[in-house]
Structure formats: C-alpha cells, structure tokens
Amino acid sequence: MRRVYLITGILAIVAFLITEAIMRTHTPPMITLTDDIRLMYRSRHLYILAGGVANLLLGLYLSINVGGWRRRLQYLGSVLFLIAPILLTLAFFAEPSHGLTEDTWRSSFGLYALFGGGMAHFLGAATKRGGKFEAS
C-alpha cells in the first residue's frame, strides 16, 4: 500500500512541475491576467504540491493499525488522500478560467479530502494512554 502513495505523490509532484511550466509559458503571460485569474492559477498550483507531499509522506511513514475501527478509519483516510491530488489537478485546469465564482467544487473537495484524510489517519493512529494521546 505504501508504494501506491509513493507513486501517487511522485505523480502529483510531476503534475506540480508541469503546471509550473504551463504558467511560465502561458499565453497571454500570467502577469497580464487579472488578479483573480492569476490567484486561481497560483493557488491551484500550490494545492497540487500539498496533495503530492501528503501522499509522499504517507508512502514513507504509513503504519496501519492491526484491526478494528481504527484500521477502517485509516483506510478511509487513505482513499481520501489518493483522491485529493486528482481533484486538485483537475481544478488547476478547469477552475481558473472562471475566476472567483461558485464553480470551485474540484478544489474544495480536494482540500476537504486532504483535511479529512489527515484527520482520519490522526484519529486512527492516536491512542489514549495514561490520559494523553500518543501515536500507536
């Protein structure tokens, strides 16, 4: 399973580098675009990086619990982490042309997936020992 996250993370980092190249060669140049469109490109570009780094780290350090509800929670978090870079990459290509409108569901769900995945893994890995939370 860790290999899947490493591959997903590497692919997302490659997508981040590709979107950087797209922004550098954009016609018309990015500097000539309105502030809202430029902000949309830049933020979606950085979101891809966040999704890639999260998957890379999960691929390096994932430790699945033995069983029970914690394991299921970690699997849910894993699915969310894998979906996030896909949605965030789609957001880079689909959302900036609309500007700051209501049509930002891809980036919203992608960021919620990153947050939800992180919280699911945190809750699935944390245990209460002696009145304080520790990693299991």
Protein backbone atom coordinates (compact mmCIF):
# COMPACT_ATOMS: atom_id res chain seq x y z
CA MET A 1 0.00 0.00 0.00
CA ARG A 2 2.84 2.38 0.74
CA ARG A 3 4.04 2.03 -2.85
CA VAL A 4 0.69 3.36 -4.13
CA TYR A 5 1.11 6.52 -2.04
CA LEU A 6 4.70 6.99 -3.18
CA ILE A 7 3.69 6.66 -6.83
CA THR A 8 0.71 8.99 -6.33
CA GLY A 9 2.92 11.50 -4.54
CA ILE A 10 5.58 11.40 -7.25
CA LEU A 11 2.96 11.79 -9.98
CA ALA A 12 1.46 14.77 -8.15
CA ILE A 13 4.90 16.39 -7.82
CA VAL A 14 5.41 15.85 -11.56
CA ALA A 15 1.99 17.46 -12.16
CA PHE A 16 3.13 20.37 -9.95
CA LEU A 17 6.24 20.83 -12.12
CA ILE A 18 4.16 20.60 -15.31
CA THR A 19 1.70 23.21 -14.07
CA GLU A 20 4.66 25.46 -13.24
CA ALA A 21 5.84 25.13 -16.84
CA ILE A 22 2.32 25.85 -18.07
CA MET A 23 2.18 29.04 -16.02
CA ARG A 24 5.62 30.17 -17.23
CA THR A 25 4.66 29.71 -20.88
CA HIS A 26 1.03 30.80 -20.56
CA THR A 27 -0.35 32.96 -23.35
CA PRO A 28 -1.08 35.70 -22.52
CA PRO A 29 1.65 35.97 -19.87
CA MET A 30 0.45 35.42 -16.30
CA ILE A 31 1.47 38.94 -15.30
CA THR A 32 -1.08 40.38 -17.73
CA LEU A 33 -4.01 38.38 -16.33
CA THR A 34 -6.39 39.89 -13.82
CA ASP A 35 -5.56 39.36 -10.17
CA ASP A 36 -8.38 36.87 -9.56
CA ILE A 37 -7.42 34.64 -12.51
CA ARG A 38 -3.73 34.73 -11.55
CA LEU A 39 -4.63 33.91 -7.94
CA MET A 40 -6.70 30.96 -9.11
CA TYR A 41 -3.82 29.53 -11.15
CA ARG A 42 -1.26 30.05 -8.39
CA SER A 43 -3.41 28.64 -5.58
CA ARG A 44 -4.47 25.55 -7.56
CA HIS A 45 -0.83 25.02 -8.48
CA LEU A 46 0.17 25.04 -4.79
CA TYR A 47 -2.73 22.75 -3.86
CA ILE A 48 -1.28 20.11 -6.19
CA LEU A 49 2.00 20.36 -4.28
CA ALA A 50 0.18 19.88 -0.96
CA GLY A 51 -1.55 16.74 -2.23
CA GLY A 52 1.71 15.36 -3.58
CA VAL A 53 3.68 15.96 -0.40
CA ALA A 54 0.92 14.44 1.75
CA ASN A 55 0.94 11.26 -0.34
CA LEU A 56 4.75 11.09 -0.35
CA LEU A 57 4.82 11.33 3.44
CA LEU A 58 2.10 8.72 3.79
CA GLY A 59 4.09 6.44 1.50
CA LEU A 60 7.17 6.85 3.67
CA TYR A 61 5.64 6.63 7.14
CA LEU A 62 2.32 4.78 6.92
CA SER A 63 1.72 2.37 9.77
CA ILE A 64 -1.66 0.60 9.62
CA ASN A 65 -3.28 -0.49 12.88
CA VAL A 66 -3.91 -4.18 13.48
CA GLY A 67 -7.67 -4.05 13.17
CA GLY A 68 -10.97 -2.69 14.29
CA TRP A 69 -12.46 0.74 13.74
CA ARG A 70 -9.06 2.45 13.72
CA ARG A 71 -7.93 0.40 10.74
CA ARG A 72 -11.15 1.18 8.85
CA LEU A 73 -10.72 4.86 9.65
CA GLN A 74 -7.16 4.76 8.28
CA TYR A 75 -8.40 3.11 5.08
CA LEU A 76 -11.00 5.84 4.68
CA GLY A 77 -8.26 8.45 5.17
CA SER A 78 -6.10 6.65 2.62
CA VAL A 79 -8.81 6.77 -0.03
CA LEU A 80 -9.29 10.49 0.63
CA PHE A 81 -5.54 11.12 0.31
CA LEU A 82 -5.43 9.27 -3.02
CA ILE A 83 -8.41 11.19 -4.44
CA ALA A 84 -7.15 14.64 -3.43
CA PRO A 85 -4.31 15.12 -5.97
CA ILE A 86 -6.60 14.03 -8.81
CA LEU A 87 -9.25 16.59 -7.87
CA LEU A 88 -6.67 19.31 -7.28
CA THR A 89 -5.00 18.72 -10.64
CA LEU A 90 -8.38 18.84 -12.37
CA ALA A 91 -9.07 22.09 -10.51
CA PHE A 92 -5.92 23.67 -11.95
CA PHE A 93 -7.12 23.06 -15.50
CA ALA A 94 -10.85 23.73 -15.01
CA GLU A 95 -11.30 26.48 -12.42
CA PRO A 96 -9.02 29.46 -13.17
CA SER A 97 -10.77 30.44 -16.39
CA HIS A 98 -13.97 31.10 -14.41
CA GLY A 99 -12.31 33.42 -11.88
CA LEU A 100 -13.60 33.61 -8.33
CA THR A 101 -17.01 32.05 -8.94
CA GLU A 102 -19.04 29.31 -7.35
CA ASP A 103 -17.60 26.72 -9.76
CA THR A 104 -14.72 25.63 -7.49
CA TRP A 105 -16.03 22.26 -6.35
CA ARG A 106 -12.93 20.36 -7.51
CA SER A 107 -10.52 22.34 -5.37
CA SER A 108 -12.98 22.46 -2.45
CA PHE A 109 -13.49 18.70 -2.41
CA GLY A 110 -9.77 18.14 -2.99
CA LEU A 111 -8.84 20.25 0.03
CA TYR A 112 -11.59 18.66 2.13
CA ALA A 113 -10.22 15.25 1.10
CA LEU A 114 -6.73 16.26 2.27
CA PHE A 115 -8.09 17.52 5.57
CA GLY A 116 -10.41 14.55 6.07
CA GLY A 117 -7.67 12.08 5.15
CA GLY A 118 -5.28 13.69 7.60
CA MET A 119 -7.82 13.70 10.41
CA ALA A 120 -8.84 10.10 9.71
CA HIS A 121 -5.22 8.97 9.88
CA PHE A 122 -4.62 11.01 13.01
CA LEU A 123 -7.64 9.54 14.80
CA GLY A 124 -6.89 6.05 13.51
CA ALA A 125 -3.30 6.16 14.72
CA ALA A 126 -3.72 8.02 18.00
CA THR A 127 -4.37 6.06 21.16
CA LYS A 128 -5.15 7.27 24.64
CA ARG A 129 -2.61 6.08 27.19
CA GLY A 130 -2.35 7.48 30.67
CA GLY A 131 -4.71 10.36 29.93
CA LYS A 132 -2.76 11.64 26.90
CA PHE A 133 -2.74 10.85 23.21
CA GLU A 134 0.23 9.06 21.69
CA ALA A 135 1.00 7.57 18.30
CA SER A 136 0.36 3.82 18.32
